[in-house]
Amino acid sequence: MNDFLWVEKYRPRTIADVILPPKLKKAFESVVEAGEFQHMLLTGTAGLGKTTVAKALCNQLDLDYILINGSDERNIDTLRNKVKQFASSVSLSGGYKVVILDEADYLNPNSFQPALRSFMEEFSSNCRFILTCNYKNKLIEPLHSRCAVYEFTPASKKEMAGLAMQFHKRVKDILEQEGVPYEEKTVADVIMRYAPDWRRILNELQRTAVTGEINDGTVTTTATAYKDLLANIKAKDFKKVRSWIVNNLDADTSSICRGIYDEMNGVVKPTSIPQLIVYLNECQYKAAFVADHELNLAACMVEIMMEVEFV
C-alpha cells in the first residue's frame, strides 16, 4: 500500500527534503544538528508536513518511535497500556524513545490529555513526546506549557509562493517517475487551488492520473466545483450537496468556506450576502471544536439552503 499511495511512497525521510517555511526548516535542522530535542507540539492546518517532520526527526536521529493516531486511539486505556509499555522500556538503539501523538487535538480532554501531563514528566529521562494537531486550542494549556510549539503556517504570501514553487518542481519529478503525461499549467492550477495542503495536492494528482493524463479536461477547476455546489444548494438538492461534501472532506473547512465566499457574487442576492458570510464564519469557528466535520459542513449548507436567497 505504501508503494501505491504517492503520499507515502514519496514522503520525505529527512528534514532537508521537507517543504517548510525557511525559519521553521532552519529550526528543525538545528534540532537534527544538536541531536536532542524537548517535547514538541507541531500545529497547523492539514497537509503541511507535521507528521512527516516528526517521523523525519526520529529517522535522522535513529530513535525508536511509536505513532498513535489520536482520532482512533483517543481514550485513557491507550495511554495506560500501549504508551506506558513503550515509554517505560529501554530503547534497543541506546538512545531515548519518541511517542508521536498524531492528531492530538482528538485526544479525550477529560481523561487522556490530563493524564498525559504526568506521563511526559515521569518518562522524560527515557522518552520524548511529539504532538501534532490542526487545532491547538483543543489541547489543554498544561500540554502547551510542556512543549516547544512550532507553527506550520507560512508567514506571508511571498513565502507561500516560494513553497508552492518548490512543491511544483517536486510534483513534476514525481509525475515523470510515475510516467504520467501532464500539462504544466494544469498541475500549477491544482497546486494553487489546494496549497499549502501538500497531501491534498498529491492525492488529487494521483486520483486524476488514473485517467491516464493530467490536463484541463481531467481536472475540475476550483470555480466550477464551488459553482456546482452553490447551484445544488440553490436547487435545495441535499443529496447532491451531501455527495459534494463527502467527496471534499479531505479539504480544510476554511478552504471550503473561502471557496464559497469567492464564488458567491452573481449567484447570491446582494441582500443575502451578509447572512451567508455569517454562516460561513460560524462554520469555520465550529470546525475547531466539532468531532464530526461532515456534519458541521452539512449543517452549514442546510442553513444556507434554508435562509439565503439566490439570484
C-alpha atoms as a PDB file:
ATOM      1  CA  MET A   1       0.000   0.000   0.000  1.00  0.00           C
ATOM      2  CA  ASN A   2       2.890   2.376   0.801  1.00  0.00           C
ATOM      3  CA  ASP A   3       4.249   1.774  -2.709  1.00  0.00           C
ATOM      4  CA  PHE A   4       0.858   2.576  -4.235  1.00  0.00           C
ATOM      5  CA  LEU A   5      -0.018   5.726  -2.292  1.00  0.00           C
ATOM      6  CA  TRP A   6       2.076   8.628  -3.549  1.00  0.00           C
ATOM      7  CA  VAL A   7       1.812  10.465  -0.214  1.00  0.00           C
ATOM      8  CA  GLU A   8       3.632   7.535   1.439  1.00  0.00           C
ATOM      9  CA  LYS A   9       5.872   6.487  -1.438  1.00  0.00           C
ATOM     10  CA  TYR A  10       7.288   9.998  -1.795  1.00  0.00           C
ATOM     11  CA  ARG A  11       7.095  11.086   1.855  1.00  0.00           C
ATOM     12  CA  PRO A  12      10.365  12.914   2.710  1.00  0.00           C
ATOM     13  CA  ARG A  13      12.663  10.944   5.009  1.00  0.00           C
ATOM     14  CA  THR A  14      14.855  13.867   6.101  1.00  0.00           C
ATOM     15  CA  ILE A  15      14.216  17.424   7.252  1.00  0.00           C
ATOM     16  CA  ALA A  16      16.219  18.719   4.283  1.00  0.00           C
ATOM     17  CA  ASP A  17      13.655  17.199   1.907  1.00  0.00           C
ATOM     18  CA  VAL A  18      10.558  18.538   3.711  1.00  0.00           C
ATOM     19  CA  ILE A  19       8.990  21.658   2.163  1.00  0.00           C
ATOM     20  CA  LEU A  20       8.698  24.144   5.016  1.00  0.00           C
ATOM     21  CA  PRO A  21       8.886  27.912   5.627  1.00  0.00           C
ATOM     22  CA  PRO A  22      12.617  28.856   5.881  1.00  0.00           C
ATOM     23  CA  LYS A  23      12.610  29.779   9.588  1.00  0.00           C
ATOM     24  CA  LEU A  24      10.760  26.600  10.540  1.00  0.00           C
ATOM     25  CA  LYS A  25      13.047  24.423   8.440  1.00  0.00           C
ATOM     26  CA  LYS A  26      16.115  26.008   9.988  1.00  0.00           C
ATOM     27  CA  ALA A  27      14.724  25.334  13.465  1.00  0.00           C
ATOM     28  CA  PHE A  28      14.289  21.618  12.750  1.00  0.00           C
ATOM     29  CA  GLU A  29      17.686  21.398  11.061  1.00  0.00           C
ATOM     30  CA  SER A  30      19.169  22.824  14.270  1.00  0.00           C
ATOM     31  CA  VAL A  31      17.397  20.085  16.225  1.00  0.00           C
ATOM     32  CA  VAL A  32      18.994  17.444  13.990  1.00  0.00           C
ATOM     33  CA  GLU A  33      22.424  19.040  14.421  1.00  0.00           C
ATOM     34  CA  ALA A  34      22.015  19.137  18.211  1.00  0.00           C
ATOM     35  CA  GLY A  35      20.861  15.503  18.283  1.00  0.00           C
ATOM     36  CA  GLU A  36      18.447  16.232  21.111  1.00  0.00           C
ATOM     37  CA  PHE A  37      15.009  17.799  21.472  1.00  0.00           C
ATOM     38  CA  GLN A  38      12.374  18.533  24.091  1.00  0.00           C
ATOM     39  CA  HIS A  39       8.689  17.628  23.903  1.00  0.00           C
ATOM     40  CA  MET A  40       7.148  19.226  20.801  1.00  0.00           C
ATOM     41  CA  LEU A  41       3.759  20.476  19.690  1.00  0.00           C
ATOM     42  CA  LEU A  42       3.502  20.779  15.886  1.00  0.00           C
ATOM     43  CA  THR A  43       0.400  22.714  14.888  1.00  0.00           C
ATOM     44  CA  GLY A  44      -1.174  23.960  11.667  1.00  0.00           C
ATOM     45  CA  THR A  45      -3.821  23.071   9.092  1.00  0.00           C
ATOM     46  CA  ALA A  46      -3.926  19.684   7.397  1.00  0.00           C
ATOM     47  CA  GLY A  47      -1.295  18.505   4.941  1.00  0.00           C
ATOM     48  CA  LEU A  48       1.558  20.852   5.861  1.00  0.00           C
ATOM     49  CA  GLY A  49       4.049  18.138   6.870  1.00  0.00           C
ATOM     50  CA  LYS A  50       3.660  17.889  10.655  1.00  0.00           C
ATOM     51  CA  THR A  51       3.669  14.091  10.790  1.00  0.00           C
ATOM     52  CA  THR A  52       6.390  13.952   8.140  1.00  0.00           C
ATOM     53  CA  VAL A  53       8.630  16.197  10.245  1.00  0.00           C
ATOM     54  CA  ALA A  54       8.023  14.089  13.363  1.00  0.00           C
ATOM     55  CA  LYS A  55       8.990  10.896  11.522  1.00  0.00           C
ATOM     56  CA  ALA A  56      11.953  12.536   9.793  1.00  0.00           C
ATOM     57  CA  LEU A  57      13.397  13.702  13.119  1.00  0.00           C
ATOM     58  CA  CYS A  58      13.177  10.177  14.509  1.00  0.00           C
ATOM     59  CA  ASN A  59      14.695   8.671  11.352  1.00  0.00           C
ATOM     60  CA  GLN A  60      17.595  11.095  11.176  1.00  0.00           C
ATOM     61  CA  LEU A  61      18.406  10.796  14.870  1.00  0.00           C
ATOM     62  CA  ASP A  62      17.961   6.995  14.734  1.00  0.00           C
ATOM     63  CA  LEU A  63      15.345   6.969  17.505  1.00  0.00           C
ATOM     64  CA  ASP A  64      12.793   4.263  18.245  1.00  0.00           C
ATOM     65  CA  TYR A  65       9.287   5.683  17.964  1.00  0.00           C
ATOM     66  CA  ILE A  66       5.647   4.690  18.112  1.00  0.00           C
ATOM     67  CA  LEU A  67       2.856   6.559  16.317  1.00  0.00           C
ATOM     68  CA  ILE A  68      -0.547   6.856  17.982  1.00  0.00           C
ATOM     69  CA  ASN A  69      -3.444   8.276  15.961  1.00  0.00           C
ATOM     70  CA  GLY A  70      -5.479  10.460  18.303  1.00  0.00           C
ATOM     71  CA  SER A  71      -8.659  10.142  16.262  1.00  0.00           C
ATOM     72  CA  ASP A  72      -8.606   6.323  16.544  1.00  0.00           C
ATOM     73  CA  GLU A  73      -6.983   5.735  19.935  1.00  0.00           C
ATOM     74  CA  ARG A  74      -8.174   8.688  21.988  1.00  0.00           C
ATOM     75  CA  ASN A  75      -9.086   7.011  25.269  1.00  0.00           C
ATOM     76  CA  ILE A  76      -7.125   6.668  28.504  1.00  0.00           C
ATOM     77  CA  ASP A  77      -6.586   2.892  28.039  1.00  0.00           C
ATOM     78  CA  THR A  78      -4.232   3.598  25.124  1.00  0.00           C
ATOM     79  CA  LEU A  79      -2.091   5.772  27.389  1.00  0.00           C
ATOM     80  CA  ARG A  80      -2.101   3.343  30.319  1.00  0.00           C
ATOM     81  CA  ASN A  81      -1.283   0.294  28.222  1.00  0.00           C
ATOM     82  CA  LYS A  82       0.251   0.952  24.808  1.00  0.00           C
ATOM     83  CA  VAL A  83       2.097   4.214  25.527  1.00  0.00           C
ATOM     84  CA  LYS A  84       3.240   3.257  29.035  1.00  0.00           C
ATOM     85  CA  GLN A  85       4.611  -0.093  27.900  1.00  0.00           C
ATOM     86  CA  PHE A  86       6.583   1.553  25.091  1.00  0.00           C
ATOM     87  CA  ALA A  87       7.838   4.546  27.091  1.00  0.00           C
ATOM     88  CA  SER A  88       8.949   2.539  30.119  1.00  0.00           C
ATOM     89  CA  SER A  89      11.153   0.090  28.189  1.00  0.00           C
ATOM     90  CA  VAL A  90      14.754   0.700  27.145  1.00  0.00           C
ATOM     91  CA  SER A  91      15.499   1.615  23.537  1.00  0.00           C
ATOM     92  CA  LEU A  92      17.327  -1.063  21.553  1.00  0.00           C
ATOM     93  CA  SER A  93      19.339   1.622  19.753  1.00  0.00           C
ATOM     94  CA  GLY A  94      20.609   3.020  23.035  1.00  0.00           C
ATOM     95  CA  GLY A  95      19.030   6.487  22.777  1.00  0.00           C
ATOM     96  CA  TYR A  96      15.721   7.775  24.058  1.00  0.00           C
ATOM     97  CA  LYS A  97      12.336   6.822  22.607  1.00  0.00           C
ATOM     98  CA  VAL A  98       9.709   9.005  20.981  1.00  0.00           C
ATOM     99  CA  VAL A  99       5.920   8.825  21.185  1.00  0.00           C
ATOM    100  CA  ILE A 100       4.268  10.609  18.240  1.00  0.00           C
ATOM    101  CA  LEU A 101       0.682  11.518  19.123  1.00  0.00           C
ATOM    102  CA  ASP A 102      -0.768  12.296  15.700  1.00  0.00           C
ATOM    103  CA  GLU A 103      -3.984  14.346  15.556  1.00  0.00           C
ATOM    104  CA  ALA A 104      -3.595  15.008  19.275  1.00  0.00           C
ATOM    105  CA  ASP A 105      -6.468  17.511  19.218  1.00  0.00           C
ATOM    106  CA  TYR A 106      -8.818  14.487  19.145  1.00  0.00           C
ATOM    107  CA  LEU A 107      -7.423  13.016  22.376  1.00  0.00           C
ATOM    108  CA  ASN A 108     -10.007  12.948  25.156  1.00  0.00           C
ATOM    109  CA  PRO A 109      -9.656  16.289  27.014  1.00  0.00           C
ATOM    110  CA  ASN A 110     -11.198  14.882  30.199  1.00  0.00           C
ATOM    111  CA  SER A 111      -9.036  11.790  30.626  1.00  0.00           C
ATOM    112  CA  PHE A 112      -6.202  11.279  28.130  1.00  0.00           C
ATOM    113  CA  GLN A 113      -4.913  14.851  27.999  1.00  0.00           C
ATOM    114  CA  PRO A 114      -4.804  15.476  31.787  1.00  0.00           C
ATOM    115  CA  ALA A 115      -3.098  12.105  32.367  1.00  0.00           C
ATOM    116  CA  LEU A 116      -0.585  12.812  29.604  1.00  0.00           C
ATOM    117  CA  ARG A 117       0.895  15.635  31.696  1.00  0.00           C
ATOM    118  CA  SER A 118       2.274  13.257  34.326  1.00  0.00           C
ATOM    119  CA  PHE A 119       3.433  10.770  31.687  1.00  0.00           C
ATOM    120  CA  MET A 120       5.527  13.448  29.980  1.00  0.00           C
ATOM    121  CA  GLU A 121       7.262  14.169  33.280  1.00  0.00           C
ATOM    122  CA  GLU A 122       7.510  10.577  34.536  1.00  0.00           C
ATOM    123  CA  PHE A 123       9.245   9.253  31.419  1.00  0.00           C
ATOM    124  CA  SER A 124      11.191  12.398  30.475  1.00  0.00           C
ATOM    125  CA  SER A 125      14.561  10.684  31.075  1.00  0.00           C
ATOM    126  CA  ASN A 126      13.760   7.946  28.569  1.00  0.00           C
ATOM    127  CA  CYS A 127      11.116   9.310  26.235  1.00  0.00           C
ATOM    128  CA  ARG A 128      10.047  12.415  24.307  1.00  0.00           C
ATOM    129  CA  PHE A 129       6.542  13.221  23.108  1.00  0.00           C
ATOM    130  CA  ILE A 130       5.720  14.886  19.780  1.00  0.00           C
ATOM    131  CA  LEU A 131       2.122  16.056  19.451  1.00  0.00           C
ATOM    132  CA  THR A 132       0.669  17.078  16.089  1.00  0.00           C
ATOM    133  CA  CYS A 133      -2.654  18.870  15.738  1.00  0.00           C
ATOM    134  CA  ASN A 134      -4.752  21.027  13.424  1.00  0.00           C
ATOM    135  CA  TYR A 135      -6.451  22.952  16.243  1.00  0.00           C
ATOM    136  CA  LYS A 136      -4.118  23.698  19.141  1.00  0.00           C
ATOM    137  CA  ASN A 137      -6.932  25.327  21.147  1.00  0.00           C
ATOM    138  CA  LYS A 138      -8.423  21.833  21.600  1.00  0.00           C
ATOM    139  CA  LEU A 139      -5.389  20.855  23.688  1.00  0.00           C
ATOM    140  CA  ILE A 140      -5.367  21.791  27.365  1.00  0.00           C
ATOM    141  CA  GLU A 141      -2.993  24.590  28.362  1.00  0.00           C
ATOM    142  CA  PRO A 142      -0.701  22.417  30.577  1.00  0.00           C
ATOM    143  CA  LEU A 143       0.292  20.437  27.461  1.00  0.00           C
ATOM    144  CA  HIS A 144       1.208  23.656  25.651  1.00  0.00           C
ATOM    145  CA  SER A 145       3.480  24.695  28.515  1.00  0.00           C
ATOM    146  CA  ARG A 146       5.297  21.342  28.487  1.00  0.00           C
ATOM    147  CA  CYS A 147       6.121  21.512  24.774  1.00  0.00           C
ATOM    148  CA  ALA A 148       8.086  23.628  22.347  1.00  0.00           C
ATOM    149  CA  VAL A 149       5.358  24.894  19.996  1.00  0.00           C
ATOM    150  CA  TYR A 150       6.030  25.046  16.240  1.00  0.00           C
ATOM    151  CA  GLU A 151       3.537  26.804  13.957  1.00  0.00           C
ATOM    152  CA  PHE A 152       3.457  25.418  10.400  1.00  0.00           C
ATOM    153  CA  THR A 153       1.520  28.264   8.772  1.00  0.00           C
ATOM    154  CA  PRO A 154       3.525  30.273   6.156  1.00  0.00           C
ATOM    155  CA  ALA A 155       4.273  33.813   7.342  1.00  0.00           C
ATOM    156  CA  SER A 156       3.423  35.684   4.124  1.00  0.00           C
ATOM    157  CA  LYS A 157       2.057  35.377   0.577  1.00  0.00           C
ATOM    158  CA  LYS A 158       5.589  35.712  -0.791  1.00  0.00           C
ATOM    159  CA  GLU A 159       6.761  32.857   1.415  1.00  0.00           C
ATOM    160  CA  MET A 160       3.743  30.789   0.351  1.00  0.00           C
ATOM    161  CA  ALA A 161       4.547  31.400  -3.315  1.00  0.00           C
ATOM    162  CA  GLY A 162       8.102  30.174  -2.737  1.00  0.00           C
ATOM    163  CA  LEU A 163       6.881  26.969  -1.102  1.00  0.00           C
ATOM    164  CA  ALA A 164       4.403  26.385  -3.952  1.00  0.00           C
ATOM    165  CA  MET A 165       7.236  26.696  -6.489  1.00  0.00           C
ATOM    166  CA  GLN A 166       9.297  24.136  -4.580  1.00  0.00           C
ATOM    167  CA  PHE A 167       6.391  21.730  -4.480  1.00  0.00           C
ATOM    168  CA  HIS A 168       5.676  22.301  -8.185  1.00  0.00           C
ATOM    169  CA  LYS A 169       9.192  21.114  -9.020  1.00  0.00           C
ATOM    170  CA  ARG A 170       8.801  18.059  -6.779  1.00  0.00           C
ATOM    171  CA  VAL A 171       5.420  17.167  -8.258  1.00  0.00           C
ATOM    172  CA  LYS A 172       6.835  17.278 -11.802  1.00  0.00           C
ATOM    173  CA  ASP A 173       9.607  14.892 -10.731  1.00  0.00           C
ATOM    174  CA  ILE A 174       7.008  12.524  -9.243  1.00  0.00           C
ATOM    175  CA  LEU A 175       4.827  12.589 -12.365  1.00  0.00           C
ATOM    176  CA  GLU A 176       7.830  11.886 -14.556  1.00  0.00           C
ATOM    177  CA  GLN A 177       8.904   8.987 -12.327  1.00  0.00           C
ATOM    178  CA  GLU A 178       5.376   7.583 -12.483  1.00  0.00           C
ATOM    179  CA  GLY A 179       5.247   8.057 -16.263  1.00  0.00           C
ATOM    180  CA  VAL A 180       2.121  10.237 -16.145  1.00  0.00           C
ATOM    181  CA  PRO A 181       1.661  12.727 -19.030  1.00  0.00           C
ATOM    182  CA  TYR A 182       0.686  16.179 -17.777  1.00  0.00           C
ATOM    183  CA  GLU A 183       0.123  19.789 -18.747  1.00  0.00           C
ATOM    184  CA  GLU A 184       2.310  22.023 -16.607  1.00  0.00           C
ATOM    185  CA  LYS A 185      -0.327  24.758 -16.340  1.00  0.00           C
ATOM    186  CA  THR A 186      -2.919  22.270 -15.046  1.00  0.00           C
ATOM    187  CA  VAL A 187      -0.512  20.988 -12.399  1.00  0.00           C
ATOM    188  CA  ALA A 188       0.215  24.587 -11.354  1.00  0.00           C
ATOM    189  CA  ASP A 189      -3.542  25.286 -11.105  1.00  0.00           C
ATOM    190  CA  VAL A 190      -4.036  22.280  -8.808  1.00  0.00           C
ATOM    191  CA  ILE A 191      -1.167  23.441  -6.587  1.00  0.00           C
ATOM    192  CA  MET A 192      -2.530  26.987  -6.347  1.00  0.00           C
ATOM    193  CA  ARG A 193      -6.002  25.631  -5.585  1.00  0.00           C
ATOM    194  CA  TYR A 194      -5.012  23.492  -2.598  1.00  0.00           C
ATOM    195  CA  ALA A 195      -1.704  24.971  -1.353  1.00  0.00           C
ATOM    196  CA  PRO A 196      -0.389  24.679   1.289  1.00  0.00           C
ATOM    197  CA  ASP A 197      -2.145  21.308   1.756  1.00  0.00           C
ATOM    198  CA  TRP A 198       0.624  19.317   0.039  1.00  0.00           C
ATOM    199  CA  ARG A 199      -1.004  15.988   0.858  1.00  0.00           C
ATOM    200  CA  ARG A 200      -4.296  17.017  -0.773  1.00  0.00           C
ATOM    201  CA  ILE A 201      -2.440  18.154  -3.903  1.00  0.00           C
ATOM    202  CA  LEU A 202      -0.636  14.836  -4.276  1.00  0.00           C
ATOM    203  CA  ASN A 203      -3.838  12.865  -3.653  1.00  0.00           C
ATOM    204  CA  GLU A 204      -5.725  14.924  -6.247  1.00  0.00           C
ATOM    205  CA  LEU A 205      -2.996  14.422  -8.833  1.00  0.00           C
ATOM    206  CA  GLN A 206      -2.840  10.680  -8.194  1.00  0.00           C
ATOM    207  CA  ARG A 207      -6.642  10.450  -8.463  1.00  0.00           C
ATOM    208  CA  THR A 208      -6.554  12.302 -11.780  1.00  0.00           C
ATOM    209  CA  ALA A 209      -3.576  10.268 -13.041  1.00  0.00           C
ATOM    210  CA  VAL A 210      -5.817   7.196 -13.115  1.00  0.00           C
ATOM    211  CA  THR A 211      -7.471   8.712 -16.218  1.00  0.00           C
ATOM    212  CA  GLY A 212      -4.126   8.427 -17.993  1.00  0.00           C
ATOM    213  CA  GLU A 213      -3.264  12.131 -18.241  1.00  0.00           C
ATOM    214  CA  ILE A 214      -3.425  15.311 -16.174  1.00  0.00           C
ATOM    215  CA  ASN A 215      -4.901  18.185 -18.165  1.00  0.00           C
ATOM    216  CA  ASP A 216      -7.759  20.688 -18.069  1.00  0.00           C
ATOM    217  CA  GLY A 217     -10.157  18.031 -19.303  1.00  0.00           C
ATOM    218  CA  THR A 218      -9.457  15.646 -16.416  1.00  0.00           C
ATOM    219  CA  VAL A 219      -9.187  18.154 -13.553  1.00  0.00           C
ATOM    220  CA  THR A 220     -12.202  20.055 -12.270  1.00  0.00           C
ATOM    221  CA  THR A 221     -11.433  23.751 -11.749  1.00  0.00           C
ATOM    222  CA  THR A 222     -11.974  25.414  -8.392  1.00  0.00           C
ATOM    223  CA  ALA A 223     -14.581  27.847  -9.688  1.00  0.00           C
ATOM    224  CA  THR A 224     -16.573  25.083 -11.371  1.00  0.00           C
ATOM    225  CA  ALA A 225     -16.521  22.945  -8.225  1.00  0.00           C
ATOM    226  CA  TYR A 226     -17.959  25.691  -5.998  1.00  0.00           C
ATOM    227  CA  LYS A 227     -20.400  26.926  -8.622  1.00  0.00           C
ATOM    228  CA  ASP A 228     -21.768  23.376  -8.808  1.00  0.00           C
ATOM    229  CA  LEU A 229     -22.111  23.307  -5.020  1.00  0.00           C
ATOM    230  CA  LEU A 230     -23.935  26.643  -4.934  1.00  0.00           C
ATOM    231  CA  ALA A 231     -26.216  25.509  -7.785  1.00  0.00           C
ATOM    232  CA  ASN A 232     -27.178  22.406  -5.805  1.00  0.00           C
ATOM    233  CA  ILE A 233     -27.797  24.492  -2.674  1.00  0.00           C
ATOM    234  CA  LYS A 234     -29.979  26.864  -4.675  1.00  0.00           C
ATOM    235  CA  ALA A 235     -31.957  23.882  -6.037  1.00  0.00           C
ATOM    236  CA  LYS A 236     -32.264  22.562  -2.451  1.00  0.00           C
ATOM    237  CA  ASP A 237     -30.867  19.231  -3.643  1.00  0.00           C
ATOM    238  CA  PHE A 238     -29.472  17.984  -0.350  1.00  0.00           C
ATOM    239  CA  LYS A 239     -28.486  14.592  -1.791  1.00  0.00           C
ATOM    240  CA  LYS A 240     -26.070  16.217  -4.263  1.00  0.00           C
ATOM    241  CA  VAL A 241     -24.853  18.698  -1.626  1.00  0.00           C
ATOM    242  CA  ARG A 242     -24.056  15.861   0.766  1.00  0.00           C
ATOM    243  CA  SER A 243     -22.287  13.957  -2.007  1.00  0.00           C
ATOM    244  CA  TRP A 244     -20.155  17.061  -2.719  1.00  0.00           C
ATOM    245  CA  ILE A 245     -19.242  17.345   0.965  1.00  0.00           C
ATOM    246  CA  VAL A 246     -18.233  13.673   1.202  1.00  0.00           C
ATOM    247  CA  ASN A 247     -16.061  13.967  -1.921  1.00  0.00           C
ATOM    248  CA  ASN A 248     -14.288  17.028  -0.475  1.00  0.00           C
ATOM    249  CA  LEU A 249     -13.930  16.014   3.183  1.00  0.00           C
ATOM    250  CA  ASP A 250     -10.140  15.927   2.930  1.00  0.00           C
ATOM    251  CA  ALA A 251     -10.199  19.660   2.193  1.00  0.00           C
ATOM    252  CA  ASP A 252      -9.812  22.036   5.110  1.00  0.00           C
ATOM    253  CA  THR A 253     -13.129  23.545   6.262  1.00  0.00           C
ATOM    254  CA  SER A 254     -11.708  27.057   5.963  1.00  0.00           C
ATOM    255  CA  SER A 255     -10.773  26.353   2.319  1.00  0.00           C
ATOM    256  CA  ILE A 256     -14.318  25.229   1.524  1.00  0.00           C
ATOM    257  CA  CYS A 257     -15.826  28.297   3.196  1.00  0.00           C
ATOM    258  CA  ARG A 258     -13.385  30.514   1.325  1.00  0.00           C
ATOM    259  CA  GLY A 259     -14.281  28.841  -1.959  1.00  0.00           C
ATOM    260  CA  ILE A 260     -17.986  29.554  -1.447  1.00  0.00           C
ATOM    261  CA  TYR A 261     -17.176  33.135  -0.406  1.00  0.00           C
ATOM    262  CA  ASP A 262     -15.128  33.714  -3.581  1.00  0.00           C
ATOM    263  CA  GLU A 263     -17.895  32.415  -5.876  1.00  0.00           C
ATOM    264  CA  MET A 264     -20.983  33.941  -4.214  1.00  0.00           C
ATOM    265  CA  ASN A 265     -21.093  37.190  -6.267  1.00  0.00           C
ATOM    266  CA  GLY A 266     -23.632  36.948  -9.051  1.00  0.00           C
ATOM    267  CA  VAL A 267     -25.091  33.786  -7.523  1.00  0.00           C
ATOM    268  CA  VAL A 268     -26.424  35.091  -4.203  1.00  0.00           C
ATOM    269  CA  LYS A 269     -28.707  38.112  -3.920  1.00  0.00           C
ATOM    270  CA  PRO A 270     -26.790  41.140  -2.525  1.00  0.00           C
ATOM    271  CA  THR A 271     -29.230  41.422   0.405  1.00  0.00           C
ATOM    272  CA  SER A 272     -28.393  37.833   1.460  1.00  0.00           C
ATOM    273  CA  ILE A 273     -24.611  38.092   1.221  1.00  0.00           C
ATOM    274  CA  PRO A 274     -24.164  39.356   4.842  1.00  0.00           C
ATOM    275  CA  GLN A 275     -26.143  36.379   6.165  1.00  0.00           C
ATOM    276  CA  LEU A 276     -24.119  33.955   4.045  1.00  0.00           C
ATOM    277  CA  ILE A 277     -20.862  35.397   5.392  1.00  0.00           C
ATOM    278  CA  VAL A 278     -22.111  34.931   8.960  1.00  0.00           C
ATOM    279  CA  TYR A 279     -22.946  31.255   8.284  1.00  0.00           C
ATOM    280  CA  LEU A 280     -19.528  30.635   6.713  1.00  0.00           C
ATOM    281  CA  ASN A 281     -17.740  32.311   9.606  1.00  0.00           C
ATOM    282  CA  GLU A 282     -19.684  30.237  12.152  1.00  0.00           C
ATOM    283  CA  CYS A 283     -18.841  27.047  10.254  1.00  0.00           C
ATOM    284  CA  GLN A 284     -15.120  27.900  10.302  1.00  0.00           C
ATOM    285  CA  TYR A 285     -15.222  28.642  14.021  1.00  0.00           C
ATOM    286  CA  LYS A 286     -17.070  25.424  14.909  1.00  0.00           C
ATOM    287  CA  ALA A 287     -14.606  23.354  12.847  1.00  0.00           C
ATOM    288  CA  ALA A 288     -12.048  23.825  15.632  1.00  0.00           C
ATOM    289  CA  PHE A 289     -14.288  22.052  18.160  1.00  0.00           C
ATOM    290  CA  VAL A 290     -16.620  19.583  16.445  1.00  0.00           C
ATOM    291  CA  ALA A 291     -15.958  15.840  16.318  1.00  0.00           C
ATOM    292  CA  ASP A 292     -17.766  15.281  13.008  1.00  0.00           C
ATOM    293  CA  HIS A 293     -16.619  17.667  10.269  1.00  0.00           C
ATOM    294  CA  GLU A 294     -19.024  16.261   7.694  1.00  0.00           C
ATOM    295  CA  LEU A 295     -21.985  17.005   9.951  1.00  0.00           C
ATOM    296  CA  ASN A 296     -20.685  20.519  10.657  1.00  0.00           C
ATOM    297  CA  LEU A 297     -20.393  21.291   6.935  1.00  0.00           C
ATOM    298  CA  ALA A 298     -23.776  19.715   6.192  1.00  0.00           C
ATOM    299  CA  ALA A 299     -25.427  21.838   8.900  1.00  0.00           C
ATOM    300  CA  CYS A 300     -23.881  24.988   7.399  1.00  0.00           C
ATOM    301  CA  MET A 301     -25.057  24.072   3.894  1.00  0.00           C
ATOM    302  CA  VAL A 302     -28.593  23.433   5.189  1.00  0.00           C
ATOM    303  CA  GLU A 303     -28.649  26.851   6.889  1.00  0.00           C
ATOM    304  CA  ILE A 304     -27.592  28.467   3.617  1.00  0.00           C
ATOM    305  CA  MET A 305     -30.142  26.399   1.718  1.00  0.00           C
ATOM    306  CA  MET A 306     -32.990  27.497   4.007  1.00  0.00           C
ATOM    307  CA  GLU A 307     -32.109  31.134   4.703  1.00  0.00           C
ATOM    308  CA  VAL A 308     -30.057  32.566   1.829  1.00  0.00           C
ATOM    309  CA  GLU A 309     -31.759  33.918  -1.289  1.00  0.00           C
ATOM    310  CA  PHE A 310     -30.186  33.207  -4.687  1.00  0.00           C
ATOM    311  CA  VAL A 311     -30.339  35.160  -7.929  1.00  0.00           C
END
